[in-house]
Amino acid sequence: MAKQNWPVVSKRDFLGQGDWSREYYEGLLVVNHGEQGYDLGVELEGEQVLKVDRASADEIKDRVQYWGARLEDIRKEYGVRDNRTAEFYRG
């Protein structure tokens, strides 16, 4: 997977931007922005989140599955040492 130009933000800023948030898989955060849709982010080390996508209500289930399958690779690429996401995705 080629490294993308996704923004890295603080977890606090990422979670504080929406109406609610949820962690679908360990390390995959989703924030609801109401009519504006959902932001998806991959939790990195040091309270940082990599914003990877924005999805509409119609797309969110597919986008969560898409990014859930890529969590381990993304976290490795960004140097996350504790890479427990694979067991959660397979479960």
Protein backbone atom coordinates (compact mmCIF):
# COMPACT_ATOMS: atom_id res chain seq x y z
CA MET A 1 0.00 0.00 0.00
CA ALA A 2 1.49 3.34 -1.04
CA LYS A 3 1.52 5.99 1.66
CA GLN A 4 -1.22 8.54 1.05
CA ASN A 5 -1.37 12.24 1.85
CA TRP A 6 -3.91 11.86 4.63
CA PRO A 7 -3.86 14.39 7.48
CA VAL A 8 -2.73 13.31 10.93
CA VAL A 9 -4.66 15.08 13.69
CA SER A 10 -4.94 14.73 17.44
CA LYS A 11 -7.47 12.18 18.68
CA ARG A 12 -9.15 14.92 20.68
CA ASP A 13 -9.61 17.10 17.58
CA PHE A 14 -10.82 14.17 15.48
CA LEU A 15 -13.41 13.04 18.03
CA GLY A 16 -14.49 16.57 18.91
CA GLN A 17 -15.56 17.39 15.36
CA GLY A 18 -18.82 15.45 15.24
CA ASP A 19 -22.09 14.62 16.92
CA TRP A 20 -20.91 11.19 18.09
CA SER A 21 -18.10 8.72 17.50
CA ARG A 22 -17.64 4.97 17.53
CA GLU A 23 -14.77 2.50 17.29
CA TYR A 24 -15.96 -0.25 14.93
CA TYR A 25 -12.71 -2.21 15.02
CA GLU A 26 -9.90 -1.56 17.44
CA GLY A 27 -8.10 1.38 15.87
CA LEU A 28 -10.80 2.45 13.37
CA LEU A 29 -12.69 5.53 14.56
CA VAL A 30 -15.85 6.91 12.95
CA VAL A 31 -17.26 10.37 13.69
CA ASN A 32 -20.78 11.38 12.66
CA HIS A 33 -21.23 14.86 11.19
CA GLY A 34 -24.99 14.57 10.68
CA GLU A 35 -26.00 15.50 7.14
CA GLN A 36 -22.34 16.07 6.18
CA GLY A 37 -21.59 12.37 6.59
CA TYR A 38 -18.95 10.47 8.54
CA ASP A 39 -15.19 10.82 8.93
CA LEU A 40 -13.14 7.65 9.29
CA GLY A 41 -9.76 7.64 10.99
CA VAL A 42 -7.06 5.14 11.90
CA GLU A 43 -5.75 5.47 15.42
CA LEU A 44 -1.97 5.81 15.50
CA GLU A 45 0.39 6.02 18.47
CA GLY A 46 0.63 9.02 20.76
CA GLU A 47 -3.04 10.03 20.61
CA GLN A 48 -2.85 10.71 16.87
CA VAL A 49 -5.46 9.80 14.27
CA LEU A 50 -4.93 9.48 10.54
CA LYS A 51 -8.03 10.79 8.72
CA VAL A 52 -8.53 8.38 5.84
CA ASP A 53 -12.02 8.90 4.43
CA ARG A 54 -15.36 10.65 4.48
CA ALA A 55 -18.54 8.68 3.72
CA SER A 56 -22.26 9.31 3.37
CA ALA A 57 -24.87 7.41 5.38
CA ASP A 58 -25.38 5.12 2.37
CA GLU A 59 -21.65 4.36 2.10
CA ILE A 60 -20.61 4.02 5.74
CA LYS A 61 -21.01 0.24 6.15
CA ASP A 62 -18.93 -0.49 3.05
CA ARG A 63 -16.29 2.09 4.03
CA VAL A 64 -15.95 0.63 7.54
CA GLN A 65 -15.37 -2.83 6.05
CA TYR A 66 -12.92 -1.43 3.49
CA TRP A 67 -10.80 0.40 6.08
CA GLY A 68 -11.15 -2.36 8.67
CA ALA A 69 -9.44 -4.72 6.25
CA ARG A 70 -6.56 -2.25 5.82
CA LEU A 71 -5.96 -1.27 9.44
CA GLU A 72 -2.98 -3.52 10.03
CA ASP A 73 -1.16 -2.37 6.88
CA ILE A 74 -1.77 1.32 7.57
CA ARG A 75 -0.66 1.06 11.18
CA LYS A 76 2.53 -0.76 10.15
CA GLU A 77 3.21 1.84 7.48
CA TYR A 78 2.97 4.61 10.08
CA GLY A 79 5.19 2.78 12.56
CA VAL A 80 2.57 1.69 15.09
CA ARG A 81 4.32 -0.95 17.19
CA ASP A 82 1.31 -2.55 18.90
CA ASN A 83 -0.52 -3.98 15.91
CA ARG A 84 -3.45 -5.89 17.42
CA THR A 85 -6.00 -4.97 14.74
CA ALA A 86 -5.78 -8.14 12.65
CA GLU A 87 -7.28 -10.37 15.34
CA PHE A 88 -10.22 -7.95 15.78
CA TYR A 89 -10.93 -7.77 12.07
CA ARG A 90 -10.90 -11.53 11.62
CA GLY A 91 -13.10 -12.01 14.67
